[in-house]
Each structure stands twice: as C-alpha cells, then as structure tokens.
C-alpha cells in the first residue's frame, strides 16, 4: 500500500488486533501459501509486471465482519488480474485455499469475541466513505513459526497513460 494507507491500517491493527497475533504489517493477501521452493521463481515472475505495470487502481469499499474480527473490503480488478497470472503460472502447486478467487481485504482485527468484533465494525462503519486505495507493489513473506520474514518486495514502476 501507499505510505499513508499503510500507516492508517497499521494504526488500526495496532489498536484492535490482539498483540500476540499481530505478527505482520497490514496487507492485502493474494496467496496464503506457496511452496518455499517457488520463492525465486515467484520473484522472477513478478519482476517483469512490476517494472512495466502502473500501480493497479483500487477502491476501499467498507468494513465487514469476519465473525471474530473486522476487515476492509478492497476492490481492484487490476490487482486480481495480476494475481490470476501468478495463479496460472503456479497451477497445480496452489493449496485449496489459494485455488479460488480471493475476496481482497485488509484485516484490522481478528481472533476476538464476536461481540468485540461487532462493536468495532459498528464504530468503523459509522463514518466510512468509499475511497481510492493506493497499491504500490507486491511483496512475499516467509513464515518462520511465529514471526514473518520479508522475502522480497517489488514496486510497480509503469506509468499510467
């Protein structure tokens, strides 16, 4: 995300995510689990589109319930198209969870009681207005049994015409 959006959603996660579970910065998940052996191939695969693709347009559409948490819905056909190209490339290696088309979102609260989640949802939804969301690049992280380790990040450098 862009710096201002990143700060905003990191602040929300810091305020509402259980600290013991807040192990990674705010993000939009495109894939939950790719095989570790694909890391170098994934980096090569996204290097080209990130170098000549403009940042994908995206809209923040509102907060919604995760049952035990709250997330903000993200709408971006361009980001989904990039994800589809990656998914096609790794066809046969994707987990069942990653085989479908994801509902893009940014989680700001998870693993809390349903009542706590409902209260936050009502609070966040009260003054929300849909707005553009800045997407600056793609990143991959490696899960290390608790902490997440950044594997690589590539910013979109193409120019919108």
C-alpha atoms as a PDB file:
ATOM      1  CA  UNK A   1       0.000   0.000   0.000  1.00  0.00           C
ATOM      2  CA  UNK A   2       0.981   3.617  -0.225  1.00  0.00           C
ATOM      3  CA  UNK A   3       2.712   5.071   2.831  1.00  0.00           C
ATOM      4  CA  UNK A   4      -0.353   6.957   4.158  1.00  0.00           C
ATOM      5  CA  UNK A   5      -2.650   3.942   3.732  1.00  0.00           C
ATOM      6  CA  UNK A   6      -0.030   1.667   5.289  1.00  0.00           C
ATOM      7  CA  UNK A   7       0.271   3.914   8.355  1.00  0.00           C
ATOM      8  CA  UNK A   8      -3.533   4.142   8.689  1.00  0.00           C
ATOM      9  CA  UNK A   9      -4.119   0.389   8.592  1.00  0.00           C
ATOM     10  CA  UNK A  10      -1.071  -0.386  10.740  1.00  0.00           C
ATOM     11  CA  UNK A  11      -2.507   2.003  13.372  1.00  0.00           C
ATOM     12  CA  UNK A  12      -5.857   0.197  13.240  1.00  0.00           C
ATOM     13  CA  UNK A  13      -4.158  -3.199  13.571  1.00  0.00           C
ATOM     14  CA  UNK A  14      -2.079  -1.875  16.466  1.00  0.00           C
ATOM     15  CA  UNK A  15      -5.210  -0.672  18.242  1.00  0.00           C
ATOM     16  CA  UNK A  16      -7.531  -3.631  17.568  1.00  0.00           C
ATOM     17  CA  UNK A  17      -5.534  -6.755  16.719  1.00  0.00           C
ATOM     18  CA  UNK A  18      -4.548  -8.939  19.687  1.00  0.00           C
ATOM     19  CA  UNK A  19      -0.842  -8.049  20.164  1.00  0.00           C
ATOM     20  CA  UNK A  20       0.306 -11.679  20.368  1.00  0.00           C
ATOM     21  CA  UNK A  21      -1.238 -12.320  16.932  1.00  0.00           C
ATOM     22  CA  UNK A  22      -0.227  -9.077  15.209  1.00  0.00           C
ATOM     23  CA  UNK A  23       2.908 -10.528  13.630  1.00  0.00           C
ATOM     24  CA  UNK A  24       2.865  -8.793  10.259  1.00  0.00           C
ATOM     25  CA  UNK A  25       2.058  -5.299   8.992  1.00  0.00           C
ATOM     26  CA  UNK A  26      -1.300  -4.507   7.399  1.00  0.00           C
ATOM     27  CA  UNK A  27      -1.532  -6.104   3.952  1.00  0.00           C
ATOM     28  CA  UNK A  28      -3.766  -7.484   1.209  1.00  0.00           C
ATOM     29  CA  UNK A  29      -3.254 -11.236   0.871  1.00  0.00           C
ATOM     30  CA  UNK A  30      -3.122 -12.561  -2.688  1.00  0.00           C
ATOM     31  CA  UNK A  31      -1.927 -16.059  -1.716  1.00  0.00           C
ATOM     32  CA  UNK A  32      -1.851 -17.746   1.663  1.00  0.00           C
ATOM     33  CA  UNK A  33       0.775 -20.378   0.943  1.00  0.00           C
ATOM     34  CA  UNK A  34       3.075 -21.004  -1.977  1.00  0.00           C
ATOM     35  CA  UNK A  35       5.702 -23.720  -1.679  1.00  0.00           C
ATOM     36  CA  UNK A  36       9.006 -22.316  -0.320  1.00  0.00           C
ATOM     37  CA  UNK A  37      10.753 -23.870  -3.325  1.00  0.00           C
ATOM     38  CA  UNK A  38       8.879 -21.357  -5.550  1.00  0.00           C
ATOM     39  CA  UNK A  39      10.360 -18.255  -3.938  1.00  0.00           C
ATOM     40  CA  UNK A  40      12.977 -17.461  -6.612  1.00  0.00           C
ATOM     41  CA  UNK A  41      10.578 -18.292  -9.415  1.00  0.00           C
ATOM     42  CA  UNK A  42       7.909 -16.076  -7.864  1.00  0.00           C
ATOM     43  CA  UNK A  43      10.341 -13.191  -7.587  1.00  0.00           C
ATOM     44  CA  UNK A  44      11.342 -13.562 -11.250  1.00  0.00           C
ATOM     45  CA  UNK A  45       7.689 -13.840 -12.238  1.00  0.00           C
ATOM     46  CA  UNK A  46       6.643 -10.575 -10.606  1.00  0.00           C
ATOM     47  CA  UNK A  47       9.781  -8.635 -11.533  1.00  0.00           C
ATOM     48  CA  UNK A  48       8.600  -8.018 -15.126  1.00  0.00           C
ATOM     49  CA  UNK A  49       5.000  -6.960 -14.442  1.00  0.00           C
ATOM     50  CA  UNK A  50       6.104  -4.724 -11.583  1.00  0.00           C
ATOM     51  CA  UNK A  51       8.703  -2.998 -13.764  1.00  0.00           C
ATOM     52  CA  UNK A  52       6.322  -2.065 -16.583  1.00  0.00           C
ATOM     53  CA  UNK A  53       2.891  -2.103 -14.918  1.00  0.00           C
ATOM     54  CA  UNK A  54       1.406   1.028 -13.361  1.00  0.00           C
ATOM     55  CA  UNK A  55       0.122   0.701  -9.807  1.00  0.00           C
ATOM     56  CA  UNK A  56      -3.256  -1.040 -10.012  1.00  0.00           C
ATOM     57  CA  UNK A  57      -6.268   1.106  -9.265  1.00  0.00           C
ATOM     58  CA  UNK A  58      -8.128   0.049  -6.144  1.00  0.00           C
ATOM     59  CA  UNK A  59     -11.055   1.211  -4.040  1.00  0.00           C
ATOM     60  CA  UNK A  60     -11.658   0.730  -0.349  1.00  0.00           C
ATOM     61  CA  UNK A  61     -15.323  -0.273  -0.134  1.00  0.00           C
ATOM     62  CA  UNK A  62     -16.087  -0.586   3.559  1.00  0.00           C
ATOM     63  CA  UNK A  63     -15.673  -2.569   6.728  1.00  0.00           C
ATOM     64  CA  UNK A  64     -17.233  -6.007   7.087  1.00  0.00           C
ATOM     65  CA  UNK A  65     -17.434  -8.774   9.653  1.00  0.00           C
ATOM     66  CA  UNK A  66     -15.103 -11.740   9.754  1.00  0.00           C
ATOM     67  CA  UNK A  67     -17.153 -13.175  12.629  1.00  0.00           C
ATOM     68  CA  UNK A  68     -14.234 -12.966  15.054  1.00  0.00           C
ATOM     69  CA  UNK A  69     -12.776  -9.783  13.577  1.00  0.00           C
ATOM     70  CA  UNK A  70     -13.164  -6.956  11.078  1.00  0.00           C
ATOM     71  CA  UNK A  71     -11.667  -6.271   7.662  1.00  0.00           C
ATOM     72  CA  UNK A  72     -11.980  -3.623   4.966  1.00  0.00           C
ATOM     73  CA  UNK A  73     -13.105  -4.782   1.528  1.00  0.00           C
ATOM     74  CA  UNK A  74     -10.767  -3.865  -1.332  1.00  0.00           C
ATOM     75  CA  UNK A  75     -11.999  -3.763  -4.933  1.00  0.00           C
ATOM     76  CA  UNK A  76      -9.367  -3.982  -7.674  1.00  0.00           C
ATOM     77  CA  UNK A  77      -9.889  -5.843 -10.927  1.00  0.00           C
ATOM     78  CA  UNK A  78      -6.318  -4.913 -11.952  1.00  0.00           C
ATOM     79  CA  UNK A  79      -4.818  -6.483  -8.808  1.00  0.00           C
ATOM     80  CA  UNK A  80      -6.970  -9.579  -9.304  1.00  0.00           C
ATOM     81  CA  UNK A  81      -5.708  -9.821 -12.913  1.00  0.00           C
ATOM     82  CA  UNK A  82      -2.089  -9.769 -11.682  1.00  0.00           C
ATOM     83  CA  UNK A  83      -2.957 -12.413  -9.118  1.00  0.00           C
ATOM     84  CA  UNK A  84      -4.612 -14.552 -11.813  1.00  0.00           C
ATOM     85  CA  UNK A  85      -1.413 -14.506 -13.899  1.00  0.00           C
ATOM     86  CA  UNK A  86       0.593 -15.673 -10.896  1.00  0.00           C
ATOM     87  CA  UNK A  87      -2.012 -18.355 -10.080  1.00  0.00           C
ATOM     88  CA  UNK A  88      -1.940 -19.618 -13.685  1.00  0.00           C
ATOM     89  CA  UNK A  89       1.836 -19.890 -13.531  1.00  0.00           C
ATOM     90  CA  UNK A  90       1.741 -21.927 -10.307  1.00  0.00           C
ATOM     91  CA  UNK A  91      -1.278 -24.039 -11.295  1.00  0.00           C
ATOM     92  CA  UNK A  92      -1.026 -27.435  -9.614  1.00  0.00           C
ATOM     93  CA  UNK A  93       1.040 -26.062  -6.721  1.00  0.00           C
ATOM     94  CA  UNK A  94      -1.695 -23.963  -5.111  1.00  0.00           C
ATOM     95  CA  UNK A  95      -3.396 -25.024  -1.900  1.00  0.00           C
ATOM     96  CA  UNK A  96      -7.166 -25.480  -1.957  1.00  0.00           C
ATOM     97  CA  UNK A  97      -7.485 -22.141  -0.153  1.00  0.00           C
ATOM     98  CA  UNK A  98      -5.493 -20.387  -2.921  1.00  0.00           C
ATOM     99  CA  UNK A  99      -7.228 -22.031  -5.893  1.00  0.00           C
ATOM    100  CA  UNK A 100     -10.284 -19.787  -5.799  1.00  0.00           C
ATOM    101  CA  UNK A 101     -10.520 -16.069  -6.461  1.00  0.00           C
ATOM    102  CA  UNK A 102      -9.884 -14.223  -3.186  1.00  0.00           C
ATOM    103  CA  UNK A 103     -12.043 -11.523  -1.673  1.00  0.00           C
ATOM    104  CA  UNK A 104      -9.427  -8.807  -1.375  1.00  0.00           C
ATOM    105  CA  UNK A 105      -9.379  -7.220   2.064  1.00  0.00           C
ATOM    106  CA  UNK A 106      -7.251  -5.691   4.805  1.00  0.00           C
ATOM    107  CA  UNK A 107      -7.777  -7.317   8.203  1.00  0.00           C
ATOM    108  CA  UNK A 108      -7.654  -4.876  11.117  1.00  0.00           C
ATOM    109  CA  UNK A 109      -8.940  -7.209  13.824  1.00  0.00           C
ATOM    110  CA  UNK A 110      -9.038 -10.995  14.212  1.00  0.00           C
ATOM    111  CA  UNK A 111      -9.354 -13.694  16.874  1.00  0.00           C
ATOM    112  CA  UNK A 112     -11.539 -11.638  19.229  1.00  0.00           C
ATOM    113  CA  UNK A 113     -15.017 -12.312  20.584  1.00  0.00           C
ATOM    114  CA  UNK A 114     -17.943 -11.823  18.185  1.00  0.00           C
ATOM    115  CA  UNK A 115     -19.276  -9.046  20.425  1.00  0.00           C
ATOM    116  CA  UNK A 116     -15.979  -7.162  20.340  1.00  0.00           C
ATOM    117  CA  UNK A 117     -15.876  -7.553  16.547  1.00  0.00           C
ATOM    118  CA  UNK A 118     -19.465  -6.292  16.154  1.00  0.00           C
ATOM    119  CA  UNK A 119     -18.683  -3.231  18.273  1.00  0.00           C
ATOM    120  CA  UNK A 120     -15.621  -2.346  16.188  1.00  0.00           C
ATOM    121  CA  UNK A 121     -17.495  -2.928  12.935  1.00  0.00           C
ATOM    122  CA  UNK A 122     -20.255  -0.529  14.023  1.00  0.00           C
ATOM    123  CA  UNK A 123     -17.656   2.063  15.027  1.00  0.00           C
ATOM    124  CA  UNK A 124     -15.634   1.790  11.797  1.00  0.00           C
ATOM    125  CA  UNK A 125     -18.693   1.698   9.543  1.00  0.00           C
ATOM    126  CA  UNK A 126     -20.302   4.777  11.096  1.00  0.00           C
ATOM    127  CA  UNK A 127     -18.233   7.415   9.258  1.00  0.00           C
ATOM    128  CA  UNK A 128     -16.789   5.339   6.434  1.00  0.00           C
ATOM    129  CA  UNK A 129     -16.888   6.633   2.856  1.00  0.00           C
ATOM    130  CA  UNK A 130     -15.552   4.579  -0.074  1.00  0.00           C
ATOM    131  CA  UNK A 131     -12.257   5.965  -1.307  1.00  0.00           C
ATOM    132  CA  UNK A 132      -9.309   5.125  -3.536  1.00  0.00           C
ATOM    133  CA  UNK A 133      -6.631   2.910  -2.022  1.00  0.00           C
ATOM    134  CA  UNK A 134      -3.048   3.263  -3.194  1.00  0.00           C
ATOM    135  CA  UNK A 135      -1.337  -0.013  -4.169  1.00  0.00           C
ATOM    136  CA  UNK A 136       2.409   0.446  -4.641  1.00  0.00           C
ATOM    137  CA  UNK A 137       3.772  -3.052  -5.137  1.00  0.00           C
ATOM    138  CA  UNK A 138       3.883  -6.742  -4.354  1.00  0.00           C
ATOM    139  CA  UNK A 139       5.768  -8.479  -1.561  1.00  0.00           C
ATOM    140  CA  UNK A 140       6.312 -12.012  -0.337  1.00  0.00           C
ATOM    141  CA  UNK A 141       6.941 -13.147   3.217  1.00  0.00           C
ATOM    142  CA  UNK A 142       8.219 -16.411   4.623  1.00  0.00           C
ATOM    143  CA  UNK A 143       6.517 -17.826   7.718  1.00  0.00           C
ATOM    144  CA  UNK A 144       9.026 -18.709  10.431  1.00  0.00           C
ATOM    145  CA  UNK A 145       6.795 -20.399  13.005  1.00  0.00           C
ATOM    146  CA  UNK A 146       5.536 -17.143  14.539  1.00  0.00           C
ATOM    147  CA  UNK A 147       7.378 -14.201  13.053  1.00  0.00           C
ATOM    148  CA  UNK A 148       7.143 -13.458   9.346  1.00  0.00           C
ATOM    149  CA  UNK A 149      10.321 -12.747   7.439  1.00  0.00           C
ATOM    150  CA  UNK A 150      10.236 -10.497   4.368  1.00  0.00           C
ATOM    151  CA  UNK A 151      11.374 -12.472   1.303  1.00  0.00           C
ATOM    152  CA  UNK A 152      11.246  -9.679  -1.304  1.00  0.00           C
ATOM    153  CA  UNK A 153       9.230  -6.677  -2.462  1.00  0.00           C
ATOM    154  CA  UNK A 154       8.814  -5.069  -5.883  1.00  0.00           C
ATOM    155  CA  UNK A 155       7.132  -1.721  -6.558  1.00  0.00           C
ATOM    156  CA  UNK A 156       5.055  -1.049  -9.643  1.00  0.00           C
ATOM    157  CA  UNK A 157       7.045   1.330 -11.865  1.00  0.00           C
ATOM    158  CA  UNK A 158       4.915   1.585 -15.001  1.00  0.00           C
ATOM    159  CA  UNK A 159       3.311   4.875 -15.949  1.00  0.00           C
ATOM    160  CA  UNK A 160      -0.458   5.219 -16.366  1.00  0.00           C
ATOM    161  CA  UNK A 161      -1.286   6.668 -19.776  1.00  0.00           C
END
